[in-house]
Amino acid sequence: MAPRDEPIRLGMFLKLVGVADTGGHARALLLDDAVTVNGEPETRRGRQLQVGDVVVVDLPGGPVQAVVELDDDE
């Protein structure tokens, strides 16, 4: 889970939650068809995510899921 109070691009989100180390790594995951958003395959690194979106990345060690949430710290 990663708290947000504004839209975030998918590539940045993948880095924020620790699934991708770099933008290039995020791009590679997307090109490998390893990423879904709300159950739909996604290949666009610039896709704008909103609160409530569910991102799943199929990694060799098993799938990783993260949900875009509101930032409660403010």
PDB file of N, CA and C in Angstrom:
ATOM      1  N   MET A   1       0.838  -1.181   0.000  1.00  0.00           N
ATOM      2  CA  MET A   1       0.000   0.000   0.000  1.00  0.00           C
ATOM      3  C   MET A   1       0.884   1.245   0.000  1.00  0.00           C
ATOM      4  N   ALA A   2       0.459   2.242  -0.746  1.00  0.00           N
ATOM      5  CA  ALA A   2       1.197   3.496  -0.803  1.00  0.00           C
ATOM      6  C   ALA A   2       0.221   4.644  -0.680  1.00  0.00           C
ATOM      7  N   PRO A   3       0.339   5.471   0.374  1.00  0.00           N
ATOM      8  CA  PRO A   3      -0.603   6.578   0.553  1.00  0.00           C
ATOM      9  C   PRO A   3      -0.395   7.687  -0.471  1.00  0.00           C
ATOM     10  N   ARG A   4      -1.488   8.217  -1.001  1.00  0.00           N
ATOM     11  CA  ARG A   4      -1.445   9.306  -1.983  1.00  0.00           C
ATOM     12  C   ARG A   4      -2.633  10.215  -1.752  1.00  0.00           C
ATOM     13  N   ASP A   5      -2.473  11.478  -2.094  1.00  0.00           N
ATOM     14  CA  ASP A   5      -3.614  12.385  -2.066  1.00  0.00           C
ATOM     15  C   ASP A   5      -3.799  13.053  -3.420  1.00  0.00           C
ATOM     16  N   GLU A   6      -3.030  12.628  -4.419  1.00  0.00           N
ATOM     17  CA  GLU A   6      -3.142  13.142  -5.776  1.00  0.00           C
ATOM     18  C   GLU A   6      -2.776  12.021  -6.740  1.00  0.00           C
ATOM     19  N   PRO A   7      -3.146  12.146  -8.022  1.00  0.00           N
ATOM     20  CA  PRO A   7      -2.809  11.088  -8.984  1.00  0.00           C
ATOM     21  C   PRO A   7      -1.295  10.883  -9.063  1.00  0.00           C
ATOM     22  N   ILE A   8      -0.910   9.659  -9.386  1.00  0.00           N
ATOM     23  CA  ILE A   8       0.498   9.315  -9.544  1.00  0.00           C
ATOM     24  C   ILE A   8       0.624   8.447 -10.789  1.00  0.00           C
ATOM     25  N   ARG A   9       1.728   8.600 -11.482  1.00  0.00           N
ATOM     26  CA  ARG A   9       1.966   7.785 -12.675  1.00  0.00           C
ATOM     27  C   ARG A   9       2.383   6.375 -12.256  1.00  0.00           C
ATOM     28  N   LEU A  10       1.983   5.406 -13.055  1.00  0.00           N
ATOM     29  CA  LEU A  10       2.222   4.010 -12.740  1.00  0.00           C
ATOM     30  C   LEU A  10       3.701   3.707 -12.540  1.00  0.00           C
ATOM     31  N   GLY A  11       4.566   4.222 -13.407  1.00  0.00           N
ATOM     32  CA  GLY A  11       6.003   3.959 -13.272  1.00  0.00           C
ATOM     33  C   GLY A  11       6.549   4.447 -11.939  1.00  0.00           C
ATOM     34  N   MET A  12       6.123   5.633 -11.513  1.00  0.00           N
ATOM     35  CA  MET A  12       6.550   6.178 -10.233  1.00  0.00           C
ATOM     36  C   MET A  12       5.993   5.347  -9.082  1.00  0.00           C
ATOM     37  N   PHE A  13       4.755   4.903  -9.207  1.00  0.00           N
ATOM     38  CA  PHE A  13       4.133   4.088  -8.170  1.00  0.00           C
ATOM     39  C   PHE A  13       4.894   2.779  -7.993  1.00  0.00           C
ATOM     40  N   LEU A  14       5.287   2.146  -9.098  1.00  0.00           N
ATOM     41  CA  LEU A  14       6.033   0.894  -9.011  1.00  0.00           C
ATOM     42  C   LEU A  14       7.345   1.094  -8.262  1.00  0.00           C
ATOM     43  N   LYS A  15       7.989   2.234  -8.459  1.00  0.00           N
ATOM     44  CA  LYS A  15       9.214   2.534  -7.710  1.00  0.00           C
ATOM     45  C   LYS A  15       8.894   2.831  -6.250  1.00  0.00           C
ATOM     46  N   LEU A  16       7.843   3.582  -5.995  1.00  0.00           N
ATOM     47  CA  LEU A  16       7.470   3.980  -4.635  1.00  0.00           C
ATOM     48  C   LEU A  16       7.183   2.771  -3.741  1.00  0.00           C
ATOM     49  N   VAL A  17       6.521   1.766  -4.282  1.00  0.00           N
ATOM     50  CA  VAL A  17       6.184   0.590  -3.477  1.00  0.00           C
ATOM     51  C   VAL A  17       7.293  -0.462  -3.478  1.00  0.00           C
ATOM     52  N   GLY A  18       8.402  -0.172  -4.157  1.00  0.00           N
ATOM     53  CA  GLY A  18       9.559  -1.049  -4.113  1.00  0.00           C
ATOM     54  C   GLY A  18       9.536  -2.217  -5.072  1.00  0.00           C
ATOM     55  N   VAL A  19       8.636  -2.200  -6.041  1.00  0.00           N
ATOM     56  CA  VAL A  19       8.570  -3.279  -7.029  1.00  0.00           C
ATOM     57  C   VAL A  19       9.622  -3.072  -8.116  1.00  0.00           C
ATOM     58  N   ALA A  20       9.875  -1.822  -8.475  1.00  0.00           N
ATOM     59  CA  ALA A  20      10.872  -1.484  -9.492  1.00  0.00           C
ATOM     60  C   ALA A  20      11.946  -0.598  -8.870  1.00  0.00           C
ATOM     61  N   ASP A  21      13.198  -0.865  -9.216  1.00  0.00           N
ATOM     62  CA  ASP A  21      14.310  -0.072  -8.691  1.00  0.00           C
ATOM     63  C   ASP A  21      14.507   1.231  -9.459  1.00  0.00           C
ATOM     64  N   THR A  22      14.203   1.202 -10.747  1.00  0.00           N
ATOM     65  CA  THR A  22      14.414   2.363 -11.611  1.00  0.00           C
ATOM     66  C   THR A  22      13.248   2.483 -12.589  1.00  0.00           C
ATOM     67  N   GLY A  23      13.222   3.603 -13.307  1.00  0.00           N
ATOM     68  CA  GLY A  23      12.218   3.773 -14.350  1.00  0.00           C
ATOM     69  C   GLY A  23      12.381   2.742 -15.452  1.00  0.00           C
ATOM     70  N   GLY A  24      13.619   2.387 -15.749  1.00  0.00           N
ATOM     71  CA  GLY A  24      13.880   1.360 -16.759  1.00  0.00           C
ATOM     72  C   GLY A  24      13.368  -0.002 -16.331  1.00  0.00           C
ATOM     73  N   HIS A  25      13.518  -0.287 -15.052  1.00  0.00           N
ATOM     74  CA  HIS A  25      13.006  -1.556 -14.519  1.00  0.00           C
ATOM     75  C   HIS A  25      11.478  -1.570 -14.598  1.00  0.00           C
ATOM     76  N   ALA A  26      10.847  -0.459 -14.253  1.00  0.00           N
ATOM     77  CA  ALA A  26       9.386  -0.356 -14.359  1.00  0.00           C
ATOM     78  C   ALA A  26       8.954  -0.573 -15.803  1.00  0.00           C
ATOM     79  N   ARG A  27       9.650   0.052 -16.735  1.00  0.00           N
ATOM     80  CA  ARG A  27       9.326  -0.101 -18.161  1.00  0.00           C
ATOM     81  C   ARG A  27       9.436  -1.570 -18.582  1.00  0.00           C
ATOM     82  N   ALA A  28      10.489  -2.254 -18.116  1.00  0.00           N
ATOM     83  CA  ALA A  28      10.676  -3.664 -18.470  1.00  0.00           C
ATOM     84  C   ALA A  28       9.534  -4.520 -17.934  1.00  0.00           C
ATOM     85  N   LEU A  29       9.099  -4.266 -16.708  1.00  0.00           N
ATOM     86  CA  LEU A  29       7.968  -5.012 -16.149  1.00  0.00           C
ATOM     87  C   LEU A  29       6.714  -4.806 -16.991  1.00  0.00           C
ATOM     88  N   LEU A  30       6.486  -3.570 -17.411  1.00  0.00           N
ATOM     89  CA  LEU A  30       5.307  -3.260 -18.221  1.00  0.00           C
ATOM     90  C   LEU A  30       5.387  -3.915 -19.594  1.00  0.00           C
ATOM     91  N   LEU A  31       6.566  -3.892 -20.208  1.00  0.00           N
ATOM     92  CA  LEU A  31       6.733  -4.502 -21.530  1.00  0.00           C
ATOM     93  C   LEU A  31       6.620  -6.020 -21.473  1.00  0.00           C
ATOM     94  N   ASP A  32       6.913  -6.608 -20.306  1.00  0.00           N
ATOM     95  CA  ASP A  32       6.800  -8.059 -20.133  1.00  0.00           C
ATOM     96  C   ASP A  32       5.375  -8.498 -19.803  1.00  0.00           C
ATOM     97  N   ASP A  33       4.434  -7.558 -19.862  1.00  0.00           N
ATOM     98  CA  ASP A  33       3.024  -7.847 -19.539  1.00  0.00           C
ATOM     99  C   ASP A  33       2.871  -8.415 -18.127  1.00  0.00           C
ATOM    100  N   ALA A  34       3.689  -7.916 -17.189  1.00  0.00           N
ATOM    101  CA  ALA A  34       3.664  -8.405 -15.809  1.00  0.00           C
ATOM    102  C   ALA A  34       2.775  -7.561 -14.902  1.00  0.00           C
ATOM    103  N   VAL A  35       2.183  -6.460 -15.437  1.00  0.00           N
ATOM    104  CA  VAL A  35       1.459  -5.515 -14.593  1.00  0.00           C
ATOM    105  C   VAL A  35      -0.016  -5.442 -14.993  1.00  0.00           C
ATOM    106  N   THR A  36      -0.886  -5.481 -13.966  1.00  0.00           N
ATOM    107  CA  THR A  36      -2.302  -5.219 -14.194  1.00  0.00           C
ATOM    108  C   THR A  36      -2.743  -4.102 -13.254  1.00  0.00           C
ATOM    109  N   VAL A  37      -3.702  -3.313 -13.716  1.00  0.00           N
ATOM    110  CA  VAL A  37      -4.322  -2.269 -12.901  1.00  0.00           C
ATOM    111  C   VAL A  37      -5.815  -2.565 -12.879  1.00  0.00           C
ATOM    112  N   ASN A  38      -6.341  -2.772 -11.687  1.00  0.00           N
ATOM    113  CA  ASN A  38      -7.762  -3.110 -11.517  1.00  0.00           C
ATOM    114  C   ASN A  38      -8.155  -4.316 -12.372  1.00  0.00           C
ATOM    115  N   GLY A  39      -7.242  -5.298 -12.453  1.00  0.00           N
ATOM    116  CA  GLY A  39      -7.522  -6.533 -13.175  1.00  0.00           C
ATOM    117  C   GLY A  39      -7.302  -6.494 -14.668  1.00  0.00           C
ATOM    118  N   GLU A  40      -6.934  -5.326 -15.211  1.00  0.00           N
ATOM    119  CA  GLU A  40      -6.716  -5.181 -16.652  1.00  0.00           C
ATOM    120  C   GLU A  40      -5.225  -5.046 -16.943  1.00  0.00           C
ATOM    121  N   PRO A  41      -4.699  -5.735 -17.970  1.00  0.00           N
ATOM    122  CA  PRO A  41      -3.288  -5.586 -18.328  1.00  0.00           C
ATOM    123  C   PRO A  41      -2.950  -4.130 -18.642  1.00  0.00           C
ATOM    124  N   GLU A  42      -1.774  -3.687 -18.209  1.00  0.00           N
ATOM    125  CA  GLU A  42      -1.367  -2.299 -18.452  1.00  0.00           C
ATOM    126  C   GLU A  42       0.089  -2.269 -18.914  1.00  0.00           C
ATOM    127  N   THR A  43       0.354  -1.496 -19.973  1.00  0.00           N
ATOM    128  CA  THR A  43       1.709  -1.361 -20.498  1.00  0.00           C
ATOM    129  C   THR A  43       2.193   0.085 -20.506  1.00  0.00           C
ATOM    130  N   ARG A  44       1.357   1.018 -20.073  1.00  0.00           N
ATOM    131  CA  ARG A  44       1.714   2.443 -20.117  1.00  0.00           C
ATOM    132  C   ARG A  44       2.317   2.894 -18.786  1.00  0.00           C
ATOM    133  N   ARG A  45       3.582   3.236 -18.816  1.00  0.00           N
ATOM    134  CA  ARG A  45       4.270   3.702 -17.608  1.00  0.00           C
ATOM    135  C   ARG A  45       3.662   5.005 -17.101  1.00  0.00           C
ATOM    136  N   GLY A  46       3.118   5.814 -17.986  1.00  0.00           N
ATOM    137  CA  GLY A  46       2.546   7.105 -17.623  1.00  0.00           C
ATOM    138  C   GLY A  46       1.084   7.053 -17.206  1.00  0.00           C
ATOM    139  N   ARG A  47       0.502   5.878 -17.104  1.00  0.00           N
ATOM    140  CA  ARG A  47      -0.904   5.753 -16.688  1.00  0.00           C
ATOM    141  C   ARG A  47      -1.105   6.450 -15.347  1.00  0.00           C
ATOM    142  N   GLN A  48      -2.115   7.299 -15.267  1.00  0.00           N
ATOM    143  CA  GLN A  48      -2.431   8.006 -14.024  1.00  0.00           C
ATOM    144  C   GLN A  48      -3.253   7.100 -13.120  1.00  0.00           C
ATOM    145  N   LEU A  49      -2.744   6.857 -11.925  1.00  0.00           N
ATOM    146  CA  LEU A  49      -3.465   6.052 -10.943  1.00  0.00           C
ATOM    147  C   LEU A  49      -4.230   6.961 -10.001  1.00  0.00           C
ATOM    148  N   GLN A  50      -5.361   6.472  -9.530  1.00  0.00           N
ATOM    149  CA  GLN A  50      -6.208   7.198  -8.598  1.00  0.00           C
ATOM    150  C   GLN A  50      -6.326   6.395  -7.306  1.00  0.00           C
ATOM    151  N   VAL A  51      -6.783   7.048  -6.250  1.00  0.00           N
ATOM    152  CA  VAL A  51      -7.020   6.364  -4.984  1.00  0.00           C
ATOM    153  C   VAL A  51      -7.976   5.199  -5.220  1.00  0.00           C
ATOM    154  N   GLY A  52      -7.619   4.042  -4.678  1.00  0.00           N
ATOM    155  CA  GLY A  52      -8.444   2.846  -4.825  1.00  0.00           C
ATOM    156  C   GLY A  52      -7.988   1.909  -5.925  1.00  0.00           C
ATOM    157  N   ASP A  53      -7.137   2.385  -6.838  1.00  0.00           N
ATOM    158  CA  ASP A  53      -6.635   1.511  -7.899  1.00  0.00           C
ATOM    159  C   ASP A  53      -5.790   0.395  -7.290  1.00  0.00           C
ATOM    160  N   VAL A  54      -5.947  -0.809  -7.828  1.00  0.00           N
ATOM    161  CA  VAL A  54      -5.203  -1.975  -7.370  1.00  0.00           C
ATOM    162  C   VAL A  54      -4.213  -2.372  -8.461  1.00  0.00           C
ATOM    163  N   VAL A  55      -2.937  -2.375  -8.112  1.00  0.00           N
ATOM    164  CA  VAL A  55      -1.869  -2.721  -9.050  1.00  0.00           C
ATOM    165  C   VAL A  55      -1.291  -4.066  -8.627  1.00  0.00           C
ATOM    166  N   VAL A  56      -1.215  -5.007  -9.568  1.00  0.00           N
ATOM    167  CA  VAL A  56      -0.623  -6.317  -9.305  1.00  0.00           C
ATOM    168  C   VAL A  56       0.516  -6.520 -10.297  1.00  0.00           C
ATOM    169  N   VAL A  57       1.670  -6.932  -9.765  1.00  0.00           N
ATOM    170  CA  VAL A  57       2.838  -7.205 -10.598  1.00  0.00           C
ATOM    171  C   VAL A  57       3.200  -8.672 -10.418  1.00  0.00           C
ATOM    172  N   ASP A  58       3.261  -9.400 -11.521  1.00  0.00           N
ATOM    173  CA  ASP A  58       3.603 -10.819 -11.498  1.00  0.00           C
ATOM    174  C   ASP A  58       5.120 -10.953 -11.549  1.00  0.00           C
ATOM    175  N   LEU A  59       5.720 -11.241 -10.396  1.00  0.00           N
ATOM    176  CA  LEU A  59       7.169 -11.387 -10.279  1.00  0.00           C
ATOM    177  C   LEU A  59       7.535 -12.866 -10.185  1.00  0.00           C
ATOM    178  N   PRO A  60       8.804 -13.221 -10.456  1.00  0.00           N
ATOM    179  CA  PRO A  60       9.213 -14.633 -10.361  1.00  0.00           C
ATOM    180  C   PRO A  60       8.922 -15.257  -8.994  1.00  0.00           C
ATOM    181  N   GLY A  61       9.009 -14.494  -7.922  1.00  0.00           N
ATOM    182  CA  GLY A  61       8.744 -15.007  -6.586  1.00  0.00           C
ATOM    183  C   GLY A  61       7.273 -15.034  -6.225  1.00  0.00           C
ATOM    184  N   GLY A  62       6.422 -14.609  -7.120  1.00  0.00           N
ATOM    185  CA  GLY A  62       4.987 -14.563  -6.876  1.00  0.00           C
ATOM    186  C   GLY A  62       4.447 -13.162  -7.083  1.00  0.00           C
ATOM    187  N   PRO A  63       3.137 -13.022  -7.220  1.00  0.00           N
ATOM    188  CA  PRO A  63       2.545 -11.716  -7.483  1.00  0.00           C
ATOM    189  C   PRO A  63       2.646 -10.789  -6.272  1.00  0.00           C
ATOM    190  N   VAL A  64       2.817  -9.506  -6.568  1.00  0.00           N
ATOM    191  CA  VAL A  64       2.850  -8.459  -5.548  1.00  0.00           C
ATOM    192  C   VAL A  64       1.698  -7.507  -5.841  1.00  0.00           C
ATOM    193  N   GLN A  65       0.898  -7.201  -4.812  1.00  0.00           N
ATOM    194  CA  GLN A  65      -0.250  -6.310  -4.974  1.00  0.00           C
ATOM    195  C   GLN A  65      -0.055  -5.059  -4.132  1.00  0.00           C
ATOM    196  N   ALA A  66      -0.420  -3.913  -4.696  1.00  0.00           N
ATOM    197  CA  ALA A  66      -0.381  -2.641  -3.970  1.00  0.00           C
ATOM    198  C   ALA A  66      -1.635  -1.846  -4.335  1.00  0.00           C
ATOM    199  N   VAL A  67      -2.159  -1.122  -3.346  1.00  0.00           N
ATOM    200  CA  VAL A  67      -3.365  -0.321  -3.529  1.00  0.00           C
ATOM    201  C   VAL A  67      -3.025   1.144  -3.296  1.00  0.00           C
ATOM    202  N   VAL A  68      -3.496   2.008  -4.192  1.00  0.00           N
ATOM    203  CA  VAL A  68      -3.295   3.440  -4.028  1.00  0.00           C
ATOM    204  C   VAL A  68      -4.282   3.925  -2.959  1.00  0.00           C
ATOM    205  N   GLU A  69      -3.745   4.555  -1.902  1.00  0.00           N
ATOM    206  CA  GLU A  69      -4.577   5.002  -0.779  1.00  0.00           C
ATOM    207  C   GLU A  69      -4.385   6.477  -0.523  1.00  0.00           C
ATOM    208  N   LEU A  70      -5.331   7.056   0.222  1.00  0.00           N
ATOM    209  CA  LEU A  70      -5.217   8.441   0.666  1.00  0.00           C
ATOM    210  C   LEU A  70      -4.092   8.566   1.682  1.00  0.00           C
ATOM    211  N   ASP A  71      -3.431   9.696   1.686  1.00  0.00           N
ATOM    212  CA  ASP A  71      -2.378   9.973   2.662  1.00  0.00           C
ATOM    213  C   ASP A  71      -3.033  10.494   3.936  1.00  0.00           C
ATOM    214  N   ASP A  72      -2.989   9.711   5.017  1.00  0.00           N
ATOM    215  CA  ASP A  72      -3.630  10.094   6.285  1.00  0.00           C
ATOM    216  C   ASP A  72      -2.760  11.009   7.143  1.00  0.00           C
ATOM    217  N   ASP A  73      -1.538  11.304   6.727  1.00  0.00           N
ATOM    218  CA  ASP A  73      -0.618  12.110   7.528  1.00  0.00           C
ATOM    219  C   ASP A  73      -0.917  13.589   7.483  1.00  0.00           C
ATOM    220  N   GLU A  74      -1.784  14.018   6.598  1.00  0.00           N
ATOM    221  CA  GLU A  74      -2.039  15.467   6.464  1.00  0.00           C
ATOM    222  C   GLU A  74      -3.249  15.875   7.240  1.00  0.00           C
TER     223      GLU A  74
END
